[in-house]
């Protein structure tokens, strides 16, 4: 099976596929599509259509990711299944945890390991904050904290996470999630696609 995956979760998906011996090839799309979510559904469909001729099944390694149902429309039309949830935070931490974090403090900005590693490129450069740091308050003035949903405690990303929060002028909190939620979501997806 081919898994058309968000570039932000493609590597962890590939690791889980290898660990479990699942018959899946992961095909990532650029993670920066998240900065233009209106393009995600079309790009997923383009790559999925290309892969359909080479694989018996295609699945989609995205949550809704800001497509407001456009990705579901593509999946329904093509007979593909996708990861559940509104965004990757849901399957990393669990929907209830993410909901609680926002209820406790609506001004919560979430990071994953991917976002910590790529913060300078995916956040600072993409928003222009590397060139115009005075825009920080326009983008992040209403945020009150950064919560890092840490997947890998041994990943050595603590200093980068602290630096990312400091660049935003916000305190950092850490919630250890591991990869279990992603693993379960991926396993459910493969079962829906008839591979498990």
Protein backbone atom coordinates (compact mmCIF):
# COMPACT_ATOMS: atom_id res chain seq x y z
CA UNK A 1 0.00 0.00 0.00
CA UNK A 2 1.07 3.60 -0.58
CA UNK A 3 0.67 6.12 2.23
CA UNK A 4 0.53 9.72 1.01
CA UNK A 5 1.83 11.42 4.12
CA UNK A 6 2.29 14.90 5.43
CA UNK A 7 6.01 15.63 5.45
CA UNK A 8 5.75 16.59 9.13
CA UNK A 9 4.81 13.04 10.12
CA UNK A 10 6.27 10.99 7.26
CA UNK A 11 9.45 9.99 9.12
CA UNK A 12 7.65 8.80 12.28
CA UNK A 13 5.17 6.94 10.05
CA UNK A 14 8.02 5.24 8.19
CA UNK A 15 9.61 4.25 11.51
CA UNK A 16 6.33 2.74 12.75
CA UNK A 17 5.82 0.91 9.44
CA UNK A 18 9.32 -0.61 9.68
CA UNK A 19 8.93 -1.46 13.38
CA UNK A 20 5.64 -3.28 12.78
CA UNK A 21 6.53 -4.84 9.43
CA UNK A 22 3.49 -3.32 7.74
CA UNK A 23 3.36 -3.60 3.91
CA UNK A 24 3.40 0.16 3.35
CA UNK A 25 5.57 2.59 1.40
CA UNK A 26 5.46 6.15 2.72
CA UNK A 27 5.35 8.95 0.13
CA UNK A 28 5.70 12.38 1.75
CA UNK A 29 4.41 15.70 0.55
CA UNK A 30 6.17 18.92 1.62
CA UNK A 31 5.38 19.86 5.23
CA UNK A 32 5.17 23.53 4.26
CA UNK A 33 1.82 22.79 2.62
CA UNK A 34 0.45 23.47 6.10
CA UNK A 35 1.11 27.13 5.46
CA UNK A 36 -1.31 26.87 2.52
CA UNK A 37 -3.84 24.26 3.65
CA UNK A 38 -6.14 25.08 0.72
CA UNK A 39 -3.58 23.26 -1.48
CA UNK A 40 -3.35 20.04 0.59
CA UNK A 41 -6.34 18.19 -0.88
CA UNK A 42 -5.26 18.80 -4.49
CA UNK A 43 -1.67 17.77 -3.83
CA UNK A 44 -2.79 14.62 -1.99
CA UNK A 45 -5.08 13.71 -4.88
CA UNK A 46 -2.36 14.32 -7.49
CA UNK A 47 0.19 12.11 -5.74
CA UNK A 48 -2.39 9.48 -4.77
CA UNK A 49 -3.63 9.24 -8.35
CA UNK A 50 -0.06 8.75 -9.56
CA UNK A 51 0.50 5.99 -6.98
CA UNK A 52 -2.77 4.16 -7.69
CA UNK A 53 -1.25 2.63 -10.80
CA UNK A 54 1.62 1.15 -8.80
CA UNK A 55 -0.05 0.04 -5.55
CA UNK A 56 -3.15 -2.02 -4.76
CA UNK A 57 -4.32 0.62 -2.27
CA UNK A 58 -3.67 4.24 -1.29
CA UNK A 59 -4.22 5.73 2.15
CA UNK A 60 -3.76 9.30 3.33
CA UNK A 61 -1.43 10.17 6.20
CA UNK A 62 -3.06 13.50 7.03
CA UNK A 63 -5.64 14.61 9.52
CA UNK A 64 -7.96 17.35 8.20
CA UNK A 65 -5.09 19.83 8.68
CA UNK A 66 -7.08 22.97 7.97
CA UNK A 67 -8.67 21.78 4.72
CA UNK A 68 -12.15 22.23 6.21
CA UNK A 69 -13.39 18.97 4.73
CA UNK A 70 -11.77 19.29 1.28
CA UNK A 71 -9.48 16.36 2.06
CA UNK A 72 -12.45 14.25 3.13
CA UNK A 73 -14.17 15.09 -0.16
CA UNK A 74 -11.14 13.80 -2.09
CA UNK A 75 -10.91 10.67 0.07
CA UNK A 76 -14.61 9.90 -0.35
CA UNK A 77 -14.47 10.39 -4.12
CA UNK A 78 -11.34 8.24 -4.49
CA UNK A 79 -12.28 5.57 -1.94
CA UNK A 80 -9.26 6.38 0.23
CA UNK A 81 -9.07 6.48 4.01
CA UNK A 82 -7.20 9.12 6.00
CA UNK A 83 -5.89 9.49 9.53
CA UNK A 84 -8.60 10.63 11.90
CA UNK A 85 -8.65 13.98 13.66
CA UNK A 86 -8.47 17.66 12.93
CA UNK A 87 -4.68 17.84 13.05
CA UNK A 88 -1.65 15.80 14.04
CA UNK A 89 -1.86 17.09 17.60
CA UNK A 90 -5.00 14.98 17.99
CA UNK A 91 -3.27 11.69 17.32
CA UNK A 92 -0.03 12.58 19.09
CA UNK A 93 -1.60 13.71 22.36
CA UNK A 94 -5.16 12.48 21.96
CA UNK A 95 -8.10 14.73 21.12
CA UNK A 96 -9.14 14.99 24.77
CA UNK A 97 -5.71 16.21 25.84
CA UNK A 98 -5.54 18.85 23.12
CA UNK A 99 -9.07 19.99 23.92
CA UNK A 100 -8.17 20.26 27.61
CA UNK A 101 -5.01 22.26 26.86
CA UNK A 102 -7.05 24.81 24.89
CA UNK A 103 -9.80 24.94 27.50
CA UNK A 104 -7.23 25.56 30.24
CA UNK A 105 -5.47 28.24 28.26
CA UNK A 106 -6.95 29.28 24.89
CA UNK A 107 -3.72 31.10 24.01
CA UNK A 108 -1.77 27.85 23.65
CA UNK A 109 0.64 27.42 20.75
CA UNK A 110 1.49 23.76 20.07
CA UNK A 111 4.78 22.30 18.89
CA UNK A 112 5.65 18.77 17.84
CA UNK A 113 9.15 17.33 17.55
CA UNK A 114 9.08 18.14 13.84
CA UNK A 115 8.18 21.77 14.53
CA UNK A 116 10.90 22.07 17.17
CA UNK A 117 13.51 20.71 14.74
CA UNK A 118 12.37 22.91 11.87
CA UNK A 119 11.23 25.99 13.83
CA UNK A 120 13.59 28.46 12.17
CA UNK A 121 12.46 27.39 8.71
CA UNK A 122 8.79 26.47 9.18
CA UNK A 123 7.81 29.23 11.60
CA UNK A 124 10.34 32.08 11.68
CA UNK A 125 11.30 32.15 7.98
CA UNK A 126 7.83 31.29 6.65
CA UNK A 127 6.20 34.04 8.71
CA UNK A 128 9.00 36.48 7.92
CA UNK A 129 9.99 36.83 11.57
CA UNK A 130 13.63 36.20 10.71
CA UNK A 131 13.56 39.37 8.60
CA UNK A 132 10.92 41.38 10.46
CA UNK A 133 11.06 40.40 14.15
CA UNK A 134 8.71 43.27 15.00
CA UNK A 135 5.88 41.15 13.52
CA UNK A 136 6.15 38.74 16.44
CA UNK A 137 3.51 40.55 18.47
CA UNK A 138 1.16 40.72 15.48
CA UNK A 139 1.34 36.93 15.08
CA UNK A 140 1.83 35.78 18.65
CA UNK A 141 0.66 38.65 20.85
CA UNK A 142 -2.44 36.76 21.99
CA UNK A 143 -0.63 33.54 22.83
CA UNK A 144 0.20 32.88 26.47
CA UNK A 145 2.27 29.69 26.34
CA UNK A 146 3.96 27.13 24.11
CA UNK A 147 3.17 23.47 24.75
CA UNK A 148 5.58 21.01 23.21
CA UNK A 149 3.95 17.63 22.53
CA UNK A 150 7.21 15.72 22.85
CA UNK A 151 7.28 12.42 21.01
CA UNK A 152 10.88 11.40 21.73
CA UNK A 153 12.30 12.09 25.19
CA UNK A 154 15.74 10.96 24.01
CA UNK A 155 15.67 13.20 20.95
CA UNK A 156 17.82 15.93 22.49
CA UNK A 157 15.48 18.73 21.45
CA UNK A 158 15.05 20.44 24.84
CA UNK A 159 17.39 23.33 24.09
CA UNK A 160 15.77 23.92 20.69
CA UNK A 161 12.29 23.85 22.23
CA UNK A 162 13.29 26.37 24.89
CA UNK A 163 14.87 28.58 22.21
CA UNK A 164 11.71 28.39 20.07
CA UNK A 165 9.50 29.44 22.98
CA UNK A 166 11.94 32.23 23.87
CA UNK A 167 11.85 33.53 20.28
CA UNK A 168 8.10 33.86 20.70
CA UNK A 169 8.49 35.41 24.15
CA UNK A 170 6.39 32.67 25.74
CA UNK A 171 6.89 30.13 28.54
CA UNK A 172 7.37 26.50 27.52
CA UNK A 173 5.50 23.52 28.91
CA UNK A 174 6.24 19.93 27.90
CA UNK A 175 3.69 17.13 27.52
CA UNK A 176 5.25 13.75 26.79
CA UNK A 177 3.17 11.91 24.21
CA UNK A 178 5.51 9.35 22.66
CA UNK A 179 4.55 7.76 19.34
CA UNK A 180 1.80 5.53 20.71
CA UNK A 181 -1.08 7.72 19.52
CA UNK A 182 0.32 7.98 16.02
CA UNK A 183 0.95 4.23 15.98
CA UNK A 184 -2.64 3.47 16.96
CA UNK A 185 -4.04 5.95 14.42
CA UNK A 186 -1.88 4.47 11.68
CA UNK A 187 -2.88 0.93 12.65
CA UNK A 188 -6.59 1.91 12.49
CA UNK A 189 -6.01 3.52 9.10
CA UNK A 190 -4.38 0.38 7.72
CA UNK A 191 -7.18 -1.77 9.10
CA UNK A 192 -9.78 0.49 7.42
CA UNK A 193 -7.85 0.15 4.18
CA UNK A 194 -8.04 -3.66 4.54
CA UNK A 195 -4.35 -4.27 5.11
CA UNK A 196 -4.48 -5.53 8.70
